[in-house]
Amino acid sequence: MSEITRTRPLALLLGVGLMLGISLQPQWLATPAGVADHPAAMLLMWAMSAALVRGVGFAPRHWLPRWLFSAPAMGLALLAALWRIVLIN
């Protein structure tokens, strides 16, 4: 039997906000020289994916995806991305 999960509006709002922000301001994922910052992009996409997965209430059964899409992983990825963006600019 699967575990009953519930939607998490704050996580969903964060995921949608990151999705819109990245789509409307792609320069956030570039260095001052205009080159793509792949580590920052990967971390922001991970945070966005985890926020959307948790936000809609989905909880994977296997431990690895469950951890990768967990709230702590989402926060860690978001903080690491912001740290990376601040260091580069």
PDB file of N, CA and C in Angstrom:
ATOM      1  N   MET A   1       0.837  -1.180   0.000  1.00  0.00           N
ATOM      2  CA  MET A   1       0.000   0.000   0.000  1.00  0.00           C
ATOM      3  C   MET A   1       0.884   1.247   0.000  1.00  0.00           C
ATOM      4  N   SER A   2       0.457   2.244  -0.690  1.00  0.00           N
ATOM      5  CA  SER A   2       1.227   3.479  -0.731  1.00  0.00           C
ATOM      6  C   SER A   2       0.827   4.402   0.415  1.00  0.00           C
ATOM      7  N   GLU A   3       1.762   5.203   0.788  1.00  0.00           N
ATOM      8  CA  GLU A   3       1.550   6.169   1.863  1.00  0.00           C
ATOM      9  C   GLU A   3       0.696   7.330   1.347  1.00  0.00           C
ATOM     10  N   ILE A   4      -0.249   7.774   2.151  1.00  0.00           N
ATOM     11  CA  ILE A   4      -1.094   8.904   1.764  1.00  0.00           C
ATOM     12  C   ILE A   4      -0.304  10.190   1.972  1.00  0.00           C
ATOM     13  N   THR A   5      -0.213  10.973   0.920  1.00  0.00           N
ATOM     14  CA  THR A   5       0.504  12.245   1.011  1.00  0.00           C
ATOM     15  C   THR A   5      -0.470  13.376   0.714  1.00  0.00           C
ATOM     16  N   ARG A   6      -0.046  14.565   1.076  1.00  0.00           N
ATOM     17  CA  ARG A   6      -0.902  15.729   0.849  1.00  0.00           C
ATOM     18  C   ARG A   6      -0.116  16.778   0.088  1.00  0.00           C
ATOM     19  N   THR A   7      -0.850  17.663  -0.545  1.00  0.00           N
ATOM     20  CA  THR A   7      -0.184  18.735  -1.272  1.00  0.00           C
ATOM     21  C   THR A   7       0.438  19.710  -0.275  1.00  0.00           C
ATOM     22  N   ARG A   8       1.504  20.312  -0.711  1.00  0.00           N
ATOM     23  CA  ARG A   8       2.208  21.299   0.105  1.00  0.00           C
ATOM     24  C   ARG A   8       2.244  22.602  -0.685  1.00  0.00           C
ATOM     25  N   PRO A   9       1.329  23.516  -0.361  1.00  0.00           N
ATOM     26  CA  PRO A   9       1.196  24.745  -1.165  1.00  0.00           C
ATOM     27  C   PRO A   9       2.459  25.594  -1.220  1.00  0.00           C
ATOM     28  N   LEU A  10       3.211  25.676  -0.129  1.00  0.00           N
ATOM     29  CA  LEU A  10       4.425  26.506  -0.150  1.00  0.00           C
ATOM     30  C   LEU A  10       5.484  25.926  -1.080  1.00  0.00           C
ATOM     31  N   ALA A  11       5.642  24.612  -1.039  1.00  0.00           N
ATOM     32  CA  ALA A  11       6.607  23.973  -1.934  1.00  0.00           C
ATOM     33  C   ALA A  11       6.163  24.137  -3.387  1.00  0.00           C
ATOM     34  N   LEU A  12       4.878  23.968  -3.635  1.00  0.00           N
ATOM     35  CA  LEU A  12       4.356  24.133  -4.992  1.00  0.00           C
ATOM     36  C   LEU A  12       4.544  25.569  -5.480  1.00  0.00           C
ATOM     37  N   LEU A  13       4.299  26.525  -4.614  1.00  0.00           N
ATOM     38  CA  LEU A  13       4.491  27.931  -4.961  1.00  0.00           C
ATOM     39  C   LEU A  13       5.962  28.222  -5.258  1.00  0.00           C
ATOM     40  N   LEU A  14       6.862  27.649  -4.472  1.00  0.00           N
ATOM     41  CA  LEU A  14       8.295  27.823  -4.720  1.00  0.00           C
ATOM     42  C   LEU A  14       8.683  27.211  -6.065  1.00  0.00           C
ATOM     43  N   GLY A  15       8.175  26.016  -6.350  1.00  0.00           N
ATOM     44  CA  GLY A  15       8.485  25.362  -7.615  1.00  0.00           C
ATOM     45  C   GLY A  15       7.994  26.155  -8.815  1.00  0.00           C
ATOM     46  N   VAL A  16       6.764  26.636  -8.744  1.00  0.00           N
ATOM     47  CA  VAL A  16       6.208  27.435  -9.835  1.00  0.00           C
ATOM     48  C   VAL A  16       6.957  28.767  -9.948  1.00  0.00           C
ATOM     49  N   GLY A  17       7.300  29.355  -8.807  1.00  0.00           N
ATOM     50  CA  GLY A  17       8.065  30.607  -8.823  1.00  0.00           C
ATOM     51  C   GLY A  17       9.434  30.435  -9.464  1.00  0.00           C
ATOM     52  N   LEU A  18      10.117  29.339  -9.123  1.00  0.00           N
ATOM     53  CA  LEU A  18      11.417  29.076  -9.750  1.00  0.00           C
ATOM     54  C   LEU A  18      11.261  28.820 -11.243  1.00  0.00           C
ATOM     55  N   MET A  19      10.225  28.073 -11.608  1.00  0.00           N
ATOM     56  CA  MET A  19       9.983  27.785 -13.023  1.00  0.00           C
ATOM     57  C   MET A  19       9.763  29.078 -13.810  1.00  0.00           C
ATOM     58  N   LEU A  20       8.922  29.949 -13.293  1.00  0.00           N
ATOM     59  CA  LEU A  20       8.656  31.216 -13.977  1.00  0.00           C
ATOM     60  C   LEU A  20       9.875  32.132 -13.956  1.00  0.00           C
ATOM     61  N   GLY A  21      10.555  32.189 -12.825  1.00  0.00           N
ATOM     62  CA  GLY A  21      11.736  33.042 -12.716  1.00  0.00           C
ATOM     63  C   GLY A  21      12.839  32.645 -13.667  1.00  0.00           C
ATOM     64  N   ILE A  22      13.093  31.343 -13.775  1.00  0.00           N
ATOM     65  CA  ILE A  22      14.134  30.863 -14.684  1.00  0.00           C
ATOM     66  C   ILE A  22      13.722  31.102 -16.137  1.00  0.00           C
ATOM     67  N   SER A  23      12.434  30.939 -16.423  1.00  0.00           N
ATOM     68  CA  SER A  23      11.955  31.148 -17.793  1.00  0.00           C
ATOM     69  C   SER A  23      12.000  32.621 -18.192  1.00  0.00           C
ATOM     70  N   LEU A  24      11.663  33.509 -17.264  1.00  0.00           N
ATOM     71  CA  LEU A  24      11.603  34.934 -17.580  1.00  0.00           C
ATOM     72  C   LEU A  24      12.939  35.651 -17.420  1.00  0.00           C
ATOM     73  N   GLN A  25      13.813  35.120 -16.589  1.00  0.00           N
ATOM     74  CA  GLN A  25      15.119  35.742 -16.341  1.00  0.00           C
ATOM     75  C   GLN A  25      16.249  34.730 -16.517  1.00  0.00           C
ATOM     76  N   PRO A  26      16.472  34.215 -17.707  1.00  0.00           N
ATOM     77  CA  PRO A  26      17.517  33.191 -17.888  1.00  0.00           C
ATOM     78  C   PRO A  26      18.923  33.710 -17.595  1.00  0.00           C
ATOM     79  N   GLN A  27      19.095  35.013 -17.567  1.00  0.00           N
ATOM     80  CA  GLN A  27      20.421  35.558 -17.247  1.00  0.00           C
ATOM     81  C   GLN A  27      20.834  35.237 -15.810  1.00  0.00           C
ATOM     82  N   TRP A  28      19.885  34.812 -14.962  1.00  0.00           N
ATOM     83  CA  TRP A  28      20.250  34.363 -13.612  1.00  0.00           C
ATOM     84  C   TRP A  28      21.209  33.179 -13.678  1.00  0.00           C
ATOM     85  N   LEU A  29      21.132  32.425 -14.760  1.00  0.00           N
ATOM     86  CA  LEU A  29      21.941  31.216 -14.901  1.00  0.00           C
ATOM     87  C   LEU A  29      23.132  31.431 -15.822  1.00  0.00           C
ATOM     88  N   ALA A  30      23.623  32.655 -15.858  1.00  0.00           N
ATOM     89  CA  ALA A  30      24.789  32.976 -16.682  1.00  0.00           C
ATOM     90  C   ALA A  30      25.807  33.726 -15.833  1.00  0.00           C
ATOM     91  N   THR A  31      27.051  33.606 -16.221  1.00  0.00           N
ATOM     92  CA  THR A  31      28.114  34.348 -15.554  1.00  0.00           C
ATOM     93  C   THR A  31      28.086  35.786 -16.059  1.00  0.00           C
ATOM     94  N   PRO A  32      28.801  36.699 -15.417  1.00  0.00           N
ATOM     95  CA  PRO A  32      28.857  38.079 -15.923  1.00  0.00           C
ATOM     96  C   PRO A  32      29.385  38.169 -17.352  1.00  0.00           C
ATOM     97  N   ALA A  33      30.156  37.165 -17.780  1.00  0.00           N
ATOM     98  CA  ALA A  33      30.679  37.160 -19.146  1.00  0.00           C
ATOM     99  C   ALA A  33      29.647  36.659 -20.154  1.00  0.00           C
ATOM    100  N   GLY A  34      28.496  36.222 -19.673  1.00  0.00           N
ATOM    101  CA  GLY A  34      27.444  35.748 -20.559  1.00  0.00           C
ATOM    102  C   GLY A  34      27.494  34.259 -20.853  1.00  0.00           C
ATOM    103  N   VAL A  35      28.388  33.543 -20.190  1.00  0.00           N
ATOM    104  CA  VAL A  35      28.527  32.098 -20.382  1.00  0.00           C
ATOM    105  C   VAL A  35      27.566  31.388 -19.431  1.00  0.00           C
ATOM    106  N   ALA A  36      26.985  30.294 -19.887  1.00  0.00           N
ATOM    107  CA  ALA A  36      26.052  29.535 -19.050  1.00  0.00           C
ATOM    108  C   ALA A  36      26.753  28.998 -17.804  1.00  0.00           C
ATOM    109  N   ASP A  37      26.111  29.138 -16.663  1.00  0.00           N
ATOM    110  CA  ASP A  37      26.621  28.610 -15.398  1.00  0.00           C
ATOM    111  C   ASP A  37      25.901  27.287 -15.127  1.00  0.00           C
ATOM    112  N   HIS A  38      26.487  26.199 -15.614  1.00  0.00           N
ATOM    113  CA  HIS A  38      25.838  24.897 -15.529  1.00  0.00           C
ATOM    114  C   HIS A  38      25.623  24.397 -14.106  1.00  0.00           C
ATOM    115  N   PRO A  39      26.570  24.566 -13.176  1.00  0.00           N
ATOM    116  CA  PRO A  39      26.303  24.118 -11.806  1.00  0.00           C
ATOM    117  C   PRO A  39      25.124  24.860 -11.165  1.00  0.00           C
ATOM    118  N   ALA A  40      25.029  26.162 -11.368  1.00  0.00           N
ATOM    119  CA  ALA A  40      23.903  26.914 -10.807  1.00  0.00           C
ATOM    120  C   ALA A  40      22.597  26.483 -11.453  1.00  0.00           C
ATOM    121  N   ALA A  41      22.623  26.239 -12.756  1.00  0.00           N
ATOM    122  CA  ALA A  41      21.422  25.784 -13.454  1.00  0.00           C
ATOM    123  C   ALA A  41      20.985  24.426 -12.931  1.00  0.00           C
ATOM    124  N   MET A  42      21.926  23.509 -12.752  1.00  0.00           N
ATOM    125  CA  MET A  42      21.589  22.187 -12.247  1.00  0.00           C
ATOM    126  C   MET A  42      20.986  22.270 -10.846  1.00  0.00           C
ATOM    127  N   LEU A  43      21.572  23.078  -9.987  1.00  0.00           N
ATOM    128  CA  LEU A  43      21.073  23.200  -8.617  1.00  0.00           C
ATOM    129  C   LEU A  43      19.692  23.853  -8.580  1.00  0.00           C
ATOM    130  N   LEU A  44      19.479  24.889  -9.377  1.00  0.00           N
ATOM    131  CA  LEU A  44      18.156  25.516  -9.406  1.00  0.00           C
ATOM    132  C   LEU A  44      17.105  24.586 -10.003  1.00  0.00           C
ATOM    133  N   MET A  45      17.467  23.832 -11.018  1.00  0.00           N
ATOM    134  CA  MET A  45      16.514  22.881 -11.608  1.00  0.00           C
ATOM    135  C   MET A  45      16.189  21.755 -10.624  1.00  0.00           C
ATOM    136  N   TRP A  46      17.178  21.323  -9.854  1.00  0.00           N
ATOM    137  CA  TRP A  46      16.945  20.297  -8.829  1.00  0.00           C
ATOM    138  C   TRP A  46      15.988  20.840  -7.776  1.00  0.00           C
ATOM    139  N   ALA A  47      16.230  22.062  -7.308  1.00  0.00           N
ATOM    140  CA  ALA A  47      15.341  22.672  -6.316  1.00  0.00           C
ATOM    141  C   ALA A  47      13.933  22.833  -6.878  1.00  0.00           C
ATOM    142  N   MET A  48      13.823  23.252  -8.136  1.00  0.00           N
ATOM    143  CA  MET A  48      12.514  23.414  -8.764  1.00  0.00           C
ATOM    144  C   MET A  48      11.801  22.069  -8.879  1.00  0.00           C
ATOM    145  N   SER A  49      12.510  21.046  -9.320  1.00  0.00           N
ATOM    146  CA  SER A  49      11.909  19.724  -9.479  1.00  0.00           C
ATOM    147  C   SER A  49      11.447  19.168  -8.142  1.00  0.00           C
ATOM    148  N   ALA A  50      12.290  19.281  -7.123  1.00  0.00           N
ATOM    149  CA  ALA A  50      11.918  18.784  -5.803  1.00  0.00           C
ATOM    150  C   ALA A  50      10.714  19.547  -5.252  1.00  0.00           C
ATOM    151  N   ALA A  51      10.680  20.840  -5.471  1.00  0.00           N
ATOM    152  CA  ALA A  51       9.553  21.636  -4.980  1.00  0.00           C
ATOM    153  C   ALA A  51       8.256  21.245  -5.686  1.00  0.00           C
ATOM    154  N   LEU A  52       8.325  21.026  -6.992  1.00  0.00           N
ATOM    155  CA  LEU A  52       7.123  20.638  -7.721  1.00  0.00           C
ATOM    156  C   LEU A  52       6.655  19.233  -7.329  1.00  0.00           C
ATOM    157  N   VAL A  53       7.585  18.302  -7.183  1.00  0.00           N
ATOM    158  CA  VAL A  53       7.223  16.932  -6.800  1.00  0.00           C
ATOM    159  C   VAL A  53       6.599  16.924  -5.413  1.00  0.00           C
ATOM    160  N   ARG A  54       7.236  17.581  -4.459  1.00  0.00           N
ATOM    161  CA  ARG A  54       6.683  17.648  -3.099  1.00  0.00           C
ATOM    162  C   ARG A  54       5.408  18.470  -3.053  1.00  0.00           C
ATOM    163  N   GLY A  55       5.362  19.521  -3.841  1.00  0.00           N
ATOM    164  CA  GLY A  55       4.201  20.406  -3.830  1.00  0.00           C
ATOM    165  C   GLY A  55       2.913  19.735  -4.259  1.00  0.00           C
ATOM    166  N   VAL A  56       3.004  18.846  -5.251  1.00  0.00           N
ATOM    167  CA  VAL A  56       1.793  18.158  -5.701  1.00  0.00           C
ATOM    168  C   VAL A  56       1.459  16.968  -4.824  1.00  0.00           C
ATOM    169  N   GLY A  57       2.325  16.637  -3.868  1.00  0.00           N
ATOM    170  CA  GLY A  57       2.028  15.569  -2.914  1.00  0.00           C
ATOM    171  C   GLY A  57       2.564  14.210  -3.299  1.00  0.00           C
ATOM    172  N   PHE A  58       3.449  14.137  -4.270  1.00  0.00           N
ATOM    173  CA  PHE A  58       4.010  12.853  -4.674  1.00  0.00           C
ATOM    174  C   PHE A  58       5.195  12.518  -3.795  1.00  0.00           C
ATOM    175  N   ALA A  59       5.255  11.266  -3.305  1.00  0.00           N
ATOM    176  CA  ALA A  59       6.392  10.792  -2.515  1.00  0.00           C
ATOM    177  C   ALA A  59       6.873   9.478  -3.117  1.00  0.00           C
ATOM    178  N   PRO A  60       8.028   9.467  -3.770  1.00  0.00           N
ATOM    179  CA  PRO A  60       8.536   8.228  -4.366  1.00  0.00           C
ATOM    180  C   PRO A  60       8.728   7.138  -3.312  1.00  0.00           C
ATOM    181  N   ARG A  61       8.629   5.892  -3.721  1.00  0.00           N
ATOM    182  CA  ARG A  61       8.765   4.765  -2.791  1.00  0.00           C
ATOM    183  C   ARG A  61      10.215   4.429  -2.493  1.00  0.00           C
ATOM    184  N   HIS A  62      11.060   4.480  -3.513  1.00  0.00           N
ATOM    185  CA  HIS A  62      12.469   4.136  -3.333  1.00  0.00           C
ATOM    186  C   HIS A  62      13.165   5.232  -2.537  1.00  0.00           C
ATOM    187  N   TRP A  63      14.129   4.851  -1.715  1.00  0.00           N
ATOM    188  CA  TRP A  63      14.757   5.808  -0.804  1.00  0.00           C
ATOM    189  C   TRP A  63      15.542   6.898  -1.531  1.00  0.00           C
ATOM    190  N   LEU A  64      16.191   6.560  -2.662  1.00  0.00           N
ATOM    191  CA  LEU A  64      17.027   7.569  -3.328  1.00  0.00           C
ATOM    192  C   LEU A  64      16.202   8.696  -3.936  1.00  0.00           C
ATOM    193  N   PRO A  65      15.199   8.402  -4.780  1.00  0.00           N
ATOM    194  CA  PRO A  65      14.388   9.514  -5.279  1.00  0.00           C
ATOM    195  C   PRO A  65      13.591  10.199  -4.174  1.00  0.00           C
ATOM    196  N   ARG A  66      13.220   9.428  -3.143  1.00  0.00           N
ATOM    197  CA  ARG A  66      12.502  10.048  -2.024  1.00  0.00           C
ATOM    198  C   ARG A  66      13.381  11.109  -1.371  1.00  0.00           C
ATOM    199  N   TRP A  67      14.676  10.815  -1.216  1.00  0.00           N
ATOM    200  CA  TRP A  67      15.570  11.802  -0.611  1.00  0.00           C
ATOM    201  C   TRP A  67      15.863  12.945  -1.585  1.00  0.00           C
ATOM    202  N   LEU A  68      16.098  12.621  -2.875  1.00  0.00           N
ATOM    203  CA  LEU A  68      16.426  13.660  -3.853  1.00  0.00           C
ATOM    204  C   LEU A  68      15.300  14.678  -4.018  1.00  0.00           C
ATOM    205  N   PHE A  69      14.045  14.246  -3.800  1.00  0.00           N
ATOM    206  CA  PHE A  69      12.899  15.139  -3.946  1.00  0.00           C
ATOM    207  C   PHE A  69      12.297  15.525  -2.593  1.00  0.00           C
ATOM    208  N   SER A  70      13.083  15.413  -1.537  1.00  0.00           N
ATOM    209  CA  SER A  70      12.595  15.765  -0.203  1.00  0.00           C
ATOM    210  C   SER A  70      12.734  17.267   0.053  1.00  0.00           C
ATOM    211  N   ALA A  71      12.073  17.722   1.092  1.00  0.00           N
ATOM    212  CA  ALA A  71      12.152  19.139   1.467  1.00  0.00           C
ATOM    213  C   ALA A  71      13.580  19.549   1.860  1.00  0.00           C
ATOM    214  N   PRO A  72      14.308  18.743   2.657  1.00  0.00           N
ATOM    215  CA  PRO A  72      15.688  19.144   2.973  1.00  0.00           C
ATOM    216  C   PRO A  72      16.586  19.222   1.737  1.00  0.00           C
ATOM    217  N   ALA A  73      16.419  18.286   0.797  1.00  0.00           N
ATOM    218  CA  ALA A  73      17.215  18.325  -0.429  1.00  0.00           C
ATOM    219  C   ALA A  73      16.865  19.554  -1.254  1.00  0.00           C
ATOM    220  N   MET A  74      15.580  19.891  -1.275  1.00  0.00           N
ATOM    221  CA  MET A  74      15.125  21.082  -2.000  1.00  0.00           C
ATOM    222  C   MET A  74      15.789  22.330  -1.405  1.00  0.00           C
ATOM    223  N   GLY A  75      15.771  22.447  -0.100  1.00  0.00           N
ATOM    224  CA  GLY A  75      16.388  23.597   0.557  1.00  0.00           C
ATOM    225  C   GLY A  75      17.892  23.647   0.345  1.00  0.00           C
ATOM    226  N   LEU A  76      18.534  22.489   0.426  1.00  0.00           N
ATOM    227  CA  LEU A  76      19.981  22.414   0.215  1.00  0.00           C
ATOM    228  C   LEU A  76      20.346  22.840  -1.203  1.00  0.00           C
ATOM    229  N   ALA A  77      19.618  22.349  -2.191  1.00  0.00           N
ATOM    230  CA  ALA A  77      19.890  22.708  -3.581  1.00  0.00           C
ATOM    231  C   ALA A  77      19.652  24.198  -3.820  1.00  0.00           C
ATOM    232  N   LEU A  78      18.588  24.730  -3.239  1.00  0.00           N
ATOM    233  CA  LEU A  78      18.283  26.148  -3.417  1.00  0.00           C
ATOM    234  C   LEU A  78      19.357  27.026  -2.776  1.00  0.00           C
ATOM    235  N   LEU A  79      19.770  26.690  -1.569  1.00  0.00           N
ATOM    236  CA  LEU A  79      20.826  27.462  -0.901  1.00  0.00           C
ATOM    237  C   LEU A  79      22.152  27.370  -1.655  1.00  0.00           C
ATOM    238  N   ALA A  80      22.489  26.181  -2.131  1.00  0.00           N
ATOM    239  CA  ALA A  80      23.739  26.016  -2.883  1.00  0.00           C
ATOM    240  C   ALA A  80      23.697  26.809  -4.189  1.00  0.00           C
ATOM    241  N   ALA A  81      22.556  26.820  -4.859  1.00  0.00           N
ATOM    242  CA  ALA A  81      22.429  27.595  -6.102  1.00  0.00           C
ATOM    243  C   ALA A  81      22.558  29.083  -5.826  1.00  0.00           C
ATOM    244  N   LEU A  82      21.884  29.558  -4.798  1.00  0.00           N
ATOM    245  CA  LEU A  82      21.981  30.986  -4.460  1.00  0.00           C
ATOM    246  C   LEU A  82      23.394  31.363  -4.071  1.00  0.00           C
ATOM    247  N   TRP A  83      24.067  30.496  -3.316  1.00  0.00           N
ATOM    248  CA  TRP A  83      25.459  30.728  -2.926  1.00  0.00           C
ATOM    249  C   TRP A  83      26.341  30.813  -4.171  1.00  0.00           C
ATOM    250  N   ARG A  84      26.120  29.903  -5.108  1.00  0.00           N
ATOM    251  CA  ARG A  84      26.897  29.898  -6.350  1.00  0.00           C
ATOM    252  C   ARG A  84      26.661  31.163  -7.167  1.00  0.00           C
ATOM    253  N   ILE A  85      25.407  31.570  -7.272  1.00  0.00           N
ATOM    254  CA  ILE A  85      25.063  32.770  -8.055  1.00  0.00           C
ATOM    255  C   ILE A  85      25.674  34.013  -7.420  1.00  0.00           C
ATOM    256  N   VAL A  86      25.623  34.097  -6.100  1.00  0.00           N
ATOM    257  CA  VAL A  86      26.183  35.271  -5.403  1.00  0.00           C
ATOM    258  C   VAL A  86      27.713  35.296  -5.554  1.00  0.00           C
ATOM    259  N   LEU A  87      28.352  34.139  -5.476  1.00  0.00           N
ATOM    260  CA  LEU A  87      29.816  34.093  -5.609  1.00  0.00           C
ATOM    261  C   LEU A  87      30.278  34.519  -7.000  1.00  0.00           C
ATOM    262  N   ILE A  88      29.535  34.138  -8.014  1.00  0.00           N
ATOM    263  CA  ILE A  88      29.955  34.446  -9.389  1.00  0.00           C
ATOM    264  C   ILE A  88      29.732  35.924  -9.715  1.00  0.00           C
ATOM    265  N   ASN A  89      28.659  36.506  -9.208  1.00  0.00           N
ATOM    266  CA  ASN A  89      28.361  37.907  -9.535  1.00  0.00           C
ATOM    267  C   ASN A  89      29.040  38.782  -8.587  1.00  0.00           C
TER     268      ASN A  89
END
